[in-house]
Amino acid sequence: AGLSPDQRKAFRQALAEARRQSAADIEAARAGREAVARLIEAEPIDAAAVNETLASVRQADMALRGRLEQAIVTFATGLSPADRARLVDGLRGRSNMLRRAGEK
């Protein structure tokens, strides 16, 4: 919230671009979660298949997270130290990247 309107717009655009680049991973994770639900409901449950599918969902989630975090880092490199501090304040509690950062 402490960034200028232009900076906020640029930040949102950077995150949106990272999501666009991750469209296949987002879809793979969504489809994988649906598959996990079906596998858990199946009788008998195939725990190995559930775990294998969960691993692929995690991989897709981490690929997306990596792109989002890289977009944040790239955006931050163009900010002044004061603006980076405001960015960090805004990310605390909203981003996995900085969740619980600064807590004691």
N, C-alpha and C. Protein backbone atom coordinates (compact mmCIF):
# COMPACT_ATOMS: atom_id res chain seq x y z
N ALA A 1 0.82 -1.20 0.00
CA ALA A 1 0.00 0.00 0.00
C ALA A 1 0.86 1.25 0.00
N GLY A 2 2.10 1.17 0.46
CA GLY A 2 2.95 2.35 0.53
C GLY A 2 3.61 2.70 -0.79
N LEU A 3 3.47 1.88 -1.80
CA LEU A 3 4.08 2.17 -3.09
C LEU A 3 3.20 3.13 -3.87
N SER A 4 3.81 3.81 -4.84
CA SER A 4 3.05 4.74 -5.67
C SER A 4 2.05 3.96 -6.54
N PRO A 5 1.02 4.63 -7.03
CA PRO A 5 0.06 3.94 -7.91
C PRO A 5 0.75 3.28 -9.12
N ASP A 6 1.73 3.94 -9.71
CA ASP A 6 2.43 3.35 -10.86
C ASP A 6 3.22 2.11 -10.44
N GLN A 7 3.84 2.16 -9.27
CA GLN A 7 4.59 1.00 -8.78
C GLN A 7 3.64 -0.16 -8.48
N ARG A 8 2.50 0.14 -7.87
CA ARG A 8 1.53 -0.92 -7.57
C ARG A 8 1.03 -1.56 -8.86
N LYS A 9 0.78 -0.73 -9.86
CA LYS A 9 0.32 -1.25 -11.15
C LYS A 9 1.40 -2.14 -11.77
N ALA A 10 2.64 -1.69 -11.75
CA ALA A 10 3.74 -2.48 -12.31
C ALA A 10 3.91 -3.80 -11.55
N PHE A 11 3.74 -3.75 -10.25
CA PHE A 11 3.86 -4.96 -9.43
C PHE A 11 2.76 -5.96 -9.79
N ARG A 12 1.52 -5.47 -9.87
CA ARG A 12 0.40 -6.36 -10.24
C ARG A 12 0.62 -6.95 -11.63
N GLN A 13 1.14 -6.14 -12.56
CA GLN A 13 1.40 -6.64 -13.91
C GLN A 13 2.49 -7.72 -13.91
N ALA A 14 3.52 -7.54 -13.10
CA ALA A 14 4.60 -8.53 -13.01
C ALA A 14 4.06 -9.85 -12.47
N LEU A 15 3.21 -9.78 -11.46
CA LEU A 15 2.62 -11.00 -10.91
C LEU A 15 1.68 -11.66 -11.91
N ALA A 16 0.91 -10.85 -12.62
CA ALA A 16 -0.01 -11.40 -13.62
C ALA A 16 0.77 -12.09 -14.74
N GLU A 17 1.88 -11.52 -15.14
CA GLU A 17 2.71 -12.14 -16.18
C GLU A 17 3.29 -13.46 -15.69
N ALA A 18 3.72 -13.51 -14.45
CA ALA A 18 4.24 -14.76 -13.88
C ALA A 18 3.14 -15.82 -13.87
N ARG A 19 1.92 -15.42 -13.56
CA ARG A 19 0.80 -16.37 -13.57
C ARG A 19 0.51 -16.84 -15.00
N ARG A 20 0.56 -15.91 -15.97
CA ARG A 20 0.34 -16.29 -17.37
C ARG A 20 1.38 -17.31 -17.82
N GLN A 21 2.62 -17.08 -17.43
CA GLN A 21 3.69 -18.01 -17.79
C GLN A 21 3.52 -19.36 -17.10
N SER A 22 2.74 -19.39 -16.05
CA SER A 22 2.54 -20.61 -15.26
C SER A 22 1.19 -21.26 -15.54
N ALA A 23 0.53 -20.87 -16.60
CA ALA A 23 -0.82 -21.38 -16.87
C ALA A 23 -0.85 -22.91 -16.90
N ALA A 24 0.12 -23.52 -17.52
CA ALA A 24 0.14 -24.98 -17.60
C ALA A 24 0.31 -25.60 -16.20
N ASP A 25 1.15 -25.00 -15.38
CA ASP A 25 1.34 -25.51 -14.01
C ASP A 25 0.08 -25.32 -13.18
N ILE A 26 -0.58 -24.19 -13.34
CA ILE A 26 -1.82 -23.93 -12.60
C ILE A 26 -2.87 -24.97 -12.99
N GLU A 27 -3.00 -25.24 -14.28
CA GLU A 27 -3.97 -26.24 -14.74
C GLU A 27 -3.59 -27.65 -14.27
N ALA A 28 -2.31 -27.96 -14.31
CA ALA A 28 -1.86 -29.28 -13.85
C ALA A 28 -2.16 -29.47 -12.37
N ALA A 29 -1.94 -28.45 -11.57
CA ALA A 29 -2.23 -28.54 -10.14
C ALA A 29 -3.73 -28.70 -9.90
N ARG A 30 -4.54 -27.94 -10.63
CA ARG A 30 -6.00 -28.04 -10.49
C ARG A 30 -6.47 -29.45 -10.85
N ALA A 31 -6.02 -29.94 -11.99
CA ALA A 31 -6.41 -31.28 -12.43
C ALA A 31 -5.90 -32.34 -11.46
N GLY A 32 -4.71 -32.14 -10.95
CA GLY A 32 -4.16 -33.09 -9.98
C GLY A 32 -4.96 -33.14 -8.70
N ARG A 33 -5.41 -31.98 -8.23
CA ARG A 33 -6.23 -31.96 -7.02
C ARG A 33 -7.56 -32.69 -7.24
N GLU A 34 -8.14 -32.52 -8.43
CA GLU A 34 -9.36 -33.24 -8.75
C GLU A 34 -9.09 -34.74 -8.77
N ALA A 35 -7.96 -35.14 -9.34
CA ALA A 35 -7.59 -36.55 -9.38
C ALA A 35 -7.38 -37.10 -7.98
N VAL A 36 -6.76 -36.32 -7.11
CA VAL A 36 -6.55 -36.76 -5.73
C VAL A 36 -7.90 -37.01 -5.06
N ALA A 37 -8.85 -36.12 -5.26
CA ALA A 37 -10.17 -36.30 -4.66
C ALA A 37 -10.80 -37.61 -5.14
N ARG A 38 -10.73 -37.86 -6.45
CA ARG A 38 -11.30 -39.12 -6.98
C ARG A 38 -10.58 -40.34 -6.42
N LEU A 39 -9.25 -40.24 -6.34
CA LEU A 39 -8.48 -41.37 -5.82
C LEU A 39 -8.79 -41.67 -4.36
N ILE A 40 -8.99 -40.63 -3.57
CA ILE A 40 -9.30 -40.83 -2.16
C ILE A 40 -10.70 -41.42 -1.98
N GLU A 41 -11.62 -41.04 -2.88
CA GLU A 41 -12.98 -41.58 -2.79
C GLU A 41 -13.07 -43.02 -3.29
N ALA A 42 -12.10 -43.45 -4.08
CA ALA A 42 -12.16 -44.78 -4.70
C ALA A 42 -12.07 -45.88 -3.65
N GLU A 43 -12.67 -47.01 -4.00
CA GLU A 43 -12.61 -48.18 -3.12
C GLU A 43 -12.03 -49.34 -3.92
N PRO A 44 -10.95 -49.89 -3.55
CA PRO A 44 -10.15 -49.52 -2.38
C PRO A 44 -9.25 -48.33 -2.72
N ILE A 45 -8.84 -47.62 -1.70
CA ILE A 45 -7.96 -46.48 -1.92
C ILE A 45 -6.57 -46.96 -2.31
N ASP A 46 -6.02 -46.31 -3.30
CA ASP A 46 -4.67 -46.64 -3.76
C ASP A 46 -3.73 -45.54 -3.23
N ALA A 47 -3.19 -45.77 -2.05
CA ALA A 47 -2.37 -44.75 -1.39
C ALA A 47 -1.16 -44.36 -2.24
N ALA A 48 -0.58 -45.31 -2.93
CA ALA A 48 0.59 -45.00 -3.78
C ALA A 48 0.19 -44.03 -4.89
N ALA A 49 -0.96 -44.26 -5.50
CA ALA A 49 -1.43 -43.36 -6.56
C ALA A 49 -1.75 -41.97 -6.01
N VAL A 50 -2.36 -41.93 -4.82
CA VAL A 50 -2.65 -40.64 -4.19
C VAL A 50 -1.35 -39.89 -3.94
N ASN A 51 -0.38 -40.56 -3.35
CA ASN A 51 0.90 -39.91 -3.05
C ASN A 51 1.63 -39.46 -4.31
N GLU A 52 1.58 -40.27 -5.35
CA GLU A 52 2.22 -39.90 -6.62
C GLU A 52 1.55 -38.67 -7.23
N THR A 53 0.24 -38.63 -7.19
CA THR A 53 -0.50 -37.49 -7.73
C THR A 53 -0.24 -36.25 -6.89
N LEU A 54 -0.22 -36.40 -5.57
CA LEU A 54 0.10 -35.26 -4.71
C LEU A 54 1.49 -34.71 -4.99
N ALA A 55 2.43 -35.59 -5.28
CA ALA A 55 3.79 -35.14 -5.60
C ALA A 55 3.79 -34.30 -6.88
N SER A 56 2.99 -34.69 -7.87
CA SER A 56 2.94 -33.90 -9.10
C SER A 56 2.24 -32.56 -8.86
N VAL A 57 1.24 -32.55 -7.98
CA VAL A 57 0.57 -31.29 -7.63
C VAL A 57 1.56 -30.36 -6.94
N ARG A 58 2.33 -30.90 -6.00
CA ARG A 58 3.34 -30.10 -5.29
C ARG A 58 4.35 -29.52 -6.27
N GLN A 59 4.78 -30.32 -7.22
CA GLN A 59 5.76 -29.86 -8.21
C GLN A 59 5.19 -28.69 -9.02
N ALA A 60 3.94 -28.80 -9.45
CA ALA A 60 3.31 -27.70 -10.20
C ALA A 60 3.15 -26.47 -9.32
N ASP A 61 2.74 -26.67 -8.06
CA ASP A 61 2.60 -25.54 -7.14
C ASP A 61 3.94 -24.84 -6.91
N MET A 62 4.99 -25.61 -6.76
CA MET A 62 6.31 -25.02 -6.52
C MET A 62 6.83 -24.28 -7.75
N ALA A 63 6.52 -24.78 -8.93
CA ALA A 63 6.92 -24.08 -10.15
C ALA A 63 6.25 -22.70 -10.21
N LEU A 64 4.96 -22.66 -9.91
CA LEU A 64 4.25 -21.38 -9.87
C LEU A 64 4.84 -20.48 -8.80
N ARG A 65 5.03 -21.01 -7.62
CA ARG A 65 5.59 -20.21 -6.52
C ARG A 65 6.95 -19.64 -6.91
N GLY A 66 7.78 -20.46 -7.54
CA GLY A 66 9.09 -19.99 -7.96
C GLY A 66 9.00 -18.83 -8.94
N ARG A 67 8.08 -18.92 -9.90
CA ARG A 67 7.92 -17.82 -10.87
C ARG A 67 7.42 -16.55 -10.18
N LEU A 68 6.46 -16.71 -9.25
CA LEU A 68 5.96 -15.54 -8.53
C LEU A 68 7.05 -14.90 -7.68
N GLU A 69 7.81 -15.72 -6.98
CA GLU A 69 8.89 -15.18 -6.15
C GLU A 69 9.94 -14.49 -7.00
N GLN A 70 10.27 -15.06 -8.16
CA GLN A 70 11.26 -14.43 -9.04
C GLN A 70 10.74 -13.09 -9.57
N ALA A 71 9.44 -13.03 -9.86
CA ALA A 71 8.85 -11.77 -10.31
C ALA A 71 8.95 -10.71 -9.21
N ILE A 72 8.74 -11.12 -7.96
CA ILE A 72 8.86 -10.18 -6.84
C ILE A 72 10.29 -9.68 -6.71
N VAL A 73 11.25 -10.59 -6.80
CA VAL A 73 12.66 -10.20 -6.68
C VAL A 73 13.05 -9.26 -7.82
N THR A 74 12.65 -9.60 -9.02
CA THR A 74 12.98 -8.76 -10.17
C THR A 74 12.37 -7.37 -10.00
N PHE A 75 11.11 -7.31 -9.56
CA PHE A 75 10.46 -6.03 -9.33
C PHE A 75 11.21 -5.25 -8.25
N ALA A 76 11.59 -5.92 -7.17
CA ALA A 76 12.25 -5.24 -6.05
C ALA A 76 13.59 -4.64 -6.45
N THR A 77 14.28 -5.25 -7.42
CA THR A 77 15.59 -4.72 -7.81
C THR A 77 15.49 -3.32 -8.40
N GLY A 78 14.32 -2.94 -8.89
CA GLY A 78 14.16 -1.61 -9.46
C GLY A 78 13.66 -0.57 -8.48
N LEU A 79 13.53 -0.94 -7.23
CA LEU A 79 13.01 -0.02 -6.22
C LEU A 79 14.13 0.58 -5.38
N SER A 80 13.86 1.73 -4.81
CA SER A 80 14.78 2.34 -3.85
C SER A 80 14.74 1.52 -2.56
N PRO A 81 15.74 1.68 -1.70
CA PRO A 81 15.69 0.98 -0.41
C PRO A 81 14.42 1.27 0.39
N ALA A 82 13.95 2.50 0.38
CA ALA A 82 12.74 2.85 1.12
C ALA A 82 11.53 2.15 0.52
N ASP A 83 11.46 2.11 -0.82
CA ASP A 83 10.34 1.44 -1.47
C ASP A 83 10.41 -0.07 -1.25
N ARG A 84 11.62 -0.63 -1.22
CA ARG A 84 11.75 -2.07 -0.94
C ARG A 84 11.24 -2.38 0.47
N ALA A 85 11.52 -1.49 1.42
CA ALA A 85 11.03 -1.68 2.79
C ALA A 85 9.50 -1.65 2.80
N ARG A 86 8.90 -0.76 2.03
CA ARG A 86 7.43 -0.71 1.95
C ARG A 86 6.89 -1.97 1.28
N LEU A 87 7.60 -2.46 0.27
CA LEU A 87 7.19 -3.70 -0.39
C LEU A 87 7.20 -4.86 0.60
N VAL A 88 8.27 -4.95 1.38
CA VAL A 88 8.37 -6.02 2.38
C VAL A 88 7.22 -5.92 3.37
N ASP A 89 6.92 -4.72 3.83
CA ASP A 89 5.80 -4.55 4.76
C ASP A 89 4.50 -5.04 4.14
N GLY A 90 4.32 -4.75 2.87
CA GLY A 90 3.10 -5.18 2.18
C GLY A 90 3.04 -6.68 1.95
N LEU A 91 4.20 -7.30 1.79
CA LEU A 91 4.23 -8.75 1.52
C LEU A 91 4.07 -9.59 2.78
N ARG A 92 4.46 -9.04 3.91
CA ARG A 92 4.34 -9.81 5.16
C ARG A 92 2.89 -10.21 5.39
N GLY A 93 2.68 -11.47 5.59
CA GLY A 93 1.34 -11.96 5.84
C GLY A 93 0.52 -12.22 4.59
N ARG A 94 0.99 -11.74 3.44
CA ARG A 94 0.25 -11.93 2.19
C ARG A 94 0.96 -12.86 1.23
N SER A 95 2.20 -13.12 1.47
CA SER A 95 3.00 -13.89 0.53
C SER A 95 3.70 -15.02 1.28
N ASN A 96 3.69 -16.21 0.70
CA ASN A 96 4.43 -17.31 1.29
C ASN A 96 5.90 -16.96 1.43
N MET A 97 6.37 -16.12 0.54
CA MET A 97 7.77 -15.73 0.51
C MET A 97 8.21 -15.10 1.83
N LEU A 98 7.32 -14.32 2.44
CA LEU A 98 7.68 -13.60 3.67
C LEU A 98 6.75 -13.90 4.84
N ARG A 99 5.92 -14.91 4.68
CA ARG A 99 5.00 -15.25 5.77
C ARG A 99 5.82 -15.54 7.03
N ARG A 100 5.41 -14.93 8.08
CA ARG A 100 6.04 -15.07 9.41
C ARG A 100 7.42 -14.44 9.50
N ALA A 101 7.85 -13.74 8.48
CA ALA A 101 9.14 -13.03 8.57
C ALA A 101 9.01 -11.93 9.61
N GLY A 102 9.95 -11.85 10.47
CA GLY A 102 9.95 -10.82 11.49
C GLY A 102 9.18 -11.17 12.74
N GLU A 103 8.51 -12.33 12.75
CA GLU A 103 7.79 -12.75 13.95
C GLU A 103 8.76 -13.36 14.94
N LYS A 104 8.42 -13.24 16.20
CA LYS A 104 9.26 -13.83 17.24
C LYS A 104 8.48 -14.81 18.04
